[in-house]
Protein backbone atom coordinates (compact mmCIF):
# COMPACT_ATOMS: atom_id res chain seq x y z
CA UNK A 1 10.67 -37.50 14.90
CA UNK A 2 12.93 -36.44 17.74
CA UNK A 3 16.69 -36.14 17.32
CA UNK A 4 17.16 -39.41 19.21
CA UNK A 5 14.69 -41.15 16.88
CA UNK A 6 16.55 -39.83 13.82
CA UNK A 7 19.85 -41.03 15.30
CA UNK A 8 18.36 -44.48 15.96
CA UNK A 9 17.20 -44.64 12.33
CA UNK A 10 20.66 -43.52 11.13
CA UNK A 11 22.31 -46.23 13.25
CA UNK A 12 19.94 -48.93 11.95
CA UNK A 13 20.93 -48.04 8.37
CA UNK A 14 24.65 -47.69 9.15
CA UNK A 15 25.53 -50.45 11.62
CA UNK A 16 29.21 -50.33 10.58
CA UNK A 17 29.52 -46.59 11.18
CA UNK A 18 27.13 -45.46 13.94
CA UNK A 19 26.51 -41.84 14.88
CA UNK A 20 29.12 -40.31 17.16
CA UNK A 21 28.68 -36.63 17.92
CA UNK A 22 31.65 -34.57 16.73
CA UNK A 23 31.78 -31.20 18.52
CA UNK A 24 33.94 -29.67 15.78
CA UNK A 25 30.79 -29.60 13.65
CA UNK A 26 27.65 -27.53 14.10
CA UNK A 27 24.65 -29.83 14.55
CA UNK A 28 21.41 -28.84 12.85
CA UNK A 29 18.09 -30.59 13.46
CA UNK A 30 14.55 -30.33 12.10
CA UNK A 31 11.86 -32.76 13.25
CA UNK A 32 10.59 -33.29 9.69
CA UNK A 33 14.01 -33.30 7.92
CA UNK A 34 16.39 -35.06 10.32
CA UNK A 35 19.83 -33.88 11.36
CA UNK A 36 23.06 -32.75 9.74
CA UNK A 37 26.52 -31.92 11.05
CA UNK A 38 28.35 -29.15 9.16
CA UNK A 39 31.87 -27.77 9.32
CA UNK A 40 32.58 -24.57 7.38
CA UNK A 41 36.18 -23.68 6.57
CA UNK A 42 37.45 -20.82 4.43
CA UNK A 43 37.42 -23.07 1.36
CA UNK A 44 34.88 -25.86 1.95
CA UNK A 45 31.50 -26.64 3.47
CA UNK A 46 31.86 -30.16 4.84
CA UNK A 47 28.80 -32.25 5.66
CA UNK A 48 29.51 -34.74 8.42
CA UNK A 49 26.96 -37.22 9.67
CA UNK A 50 23.53 -36.75 8.14
CA UNK A 51 20.30 -38.58 8.88
CA UNK A 52 17.10 -37.78 7.06
CA UNK A 53 16.40 -35.75 3.93
CA UNK A 54 19.82 -35.57 2.27
CA UNK A 55 18.59 -33.38 -0.61
CA UNK A 56 17.19 -30.82 1.84
CA UNK A 57 20.37 -30.69 3.93
CA UNK A 58 22.76 -30.52 0.96
CA UNK A 59 20.73 -27.70 -0.55
CA UNK A 60 20.68 -25.79 2.77
CA UNK A 61 24.44 -26.23 3.26
CA UNK A 62 25.17 -25.21 -0.35
CA UNK A 63 23.08 -22.04 0.05
CA UNK A 64 24.81 -21.10 3.32
CA UNK A 65 28.23 -21.80 1.80
CA UNK A 66 27.46 -19.71 -1.25
CA UNK A 67 26.42 -16.77 0.98
CA UNK A 68 29.72 -17.16 2.85
CA UNK A 69 31.73 -17.14 -0.39
CA UNK A 70 32.61 -20.84 -0.17
CA UNK A 71 32.69 -22.62 -3.53
CA UNK A 72 33.31 -26.27 -2.63
CA UNK A 73 31.38 -28.88 -0.69
CA UNK A 74 32.45 -32.23 0.66
CA UNK A 75 31.39 -35.28 2.61
CA UNK A 76 32.32 -38.92 3.15
CA UNK A 77 30.13 -41.51 1.42
CA UNK A 78 29.85 -44.32 3.98
CA UNK A 79 27.28 -46.23 1.95
CA UNK A 80 30.13 -46.93 -0.49
CA UNK A 81 28.15 -46.31 -3.69
CA UNK A 82 29.17 -43.04 -5.39
CA UNK A 83 27.07 -43.54 -8.55
CA UNK A 84 23.89 -43.82 -6.43
CA UNK A 85 24.96 -40.79 -4.37
CA UNK A 86 25.49 -38.73 -7.52
CA UNK A 87 22.12 -39.80 -8.99
CA UNK A 88 20.35 -38.72 -5.78
CA UNK A 89 21.63 -35.17 -6.29
CA UNK A 90 21.04 -34.93 -10.04
CA UNK A 91 24.53 -35.78 -11.30
CA UNK A 92 25.59 -38.13 -14.07
CA UNK A 93 28.87 -40.04 -13.81
CA UNK A 94 30.92 -39.01 -16.84
CA UNK A 95 34.26 -40.67 -16.08
CA UNK A 96 35.55 -43.56 -14.02
CA UNK A 97 39.21 -44.25 -13.36
CA UNK A 98 40.46 -47.60 -12.12
CA UNK A 99 43.32 -47.01 -9.70
CA UNK A 100 46.38 -49.23 -9.19
CA UNK A 101 44.97 -50.67 -5.95
CA UNK A 102 41.74 -51.74 -7.69
CA UNK A 103 39.61 -48.91 -6.30
CA UNK A 104 37.68 -46.57 -8.59
CA UNK A 105 37.60 -42.77 -8.77
CA UNK A 106 34.50 -41.10 -10.24
CA UNK A 107 33.85 -37.77 -11.95
CA UNK A 108 30.27 -36.54 -12.38
CA UNK A 109 28.44 -33.51 -13.72
CA UNK A 110 25.22 -32.03 -12.41
CA UNK A 111 22.61 -32.31 -15.15
CA UNK A 112 21.07 -28.91 -14.31
CA UNK A 113 23.91 -26.67 -13.10
CA UNK A 114 26.74 -28.37 -15.07
CA UNK A 115 28.90 -28.17 -11.94
CA UNK A 116 31.31 -31.00 -11.22
CA UNK A 117 31.39 -33.63 -8.49
CA UNK A 118 34.12 -36.12 -7.63
CA UNK A 119 34.38 -39.33 -5.60
CA UNK A 120 37.79 -40.59 -4.50
CA UNK A 121 38.59 -43.63 -2.35
CA UNK A 122 38.84 -42.70 1.34
CA UNK A 123 39.23 -45.85 3.43
CA UNK A 124 38.10 -49.46 3.63
CA UNK A 125 36.04 -50.86 6.47
CA UNK A 126 38.05 -53.43 8.42
CA UNK A 127 35.10 -55.76 9.05
CA UNK A 128 34.06 -56.36 5.44
CA UNK A 129 36.45 -54.45 3.15
CA UNK A 130 33.83 -52.04 1.78
CA UNK A 131 35.31 -48.92 0.19
CA UNK A 132 34.16 -45.54 1.56
CA UNK A 133 34.66 -42.42 -0.59
CA UNK A 134 35.47 -38.75 -0.23
CA UNK A 135 32.85 -36.82 -2.21
CA UNK A 136 33.50 -33.24 -3.29
CA UNK A 137 31.49 -30.89 -5.48
CA UNK A 138 31.49 -27.37 -6.84
CA UNK A 139 28.93 -25.05 -5.24
């Protein structure tokens, strides 16, 4: 698919949070894998908007970060389901914490690497109250 076709697919799956190009991020695209925005800082590799093969893009970003000496990754989970996100990448949720405002924080461990991942409440969508999450993980 073309980049525009991948973006259309992304928008159809995320009608509450459509793709908006952010020039602070490098944009990567592969016809067979989709697209991924990435921001590298001294301490974190942050995945922005991603459409397509999430496993492929996370693995590519993790490898690049590791080469650059970066040991933490992050993203925002706009689908609002951290347990499903963690399962997709081979993690198991090992702890949940109910916060005072009723939101939940999650801690997970990768079944293969034993590295940790975390999901913390980020913001709620105004139109329907869904909770989005900050996701971070050890690289």
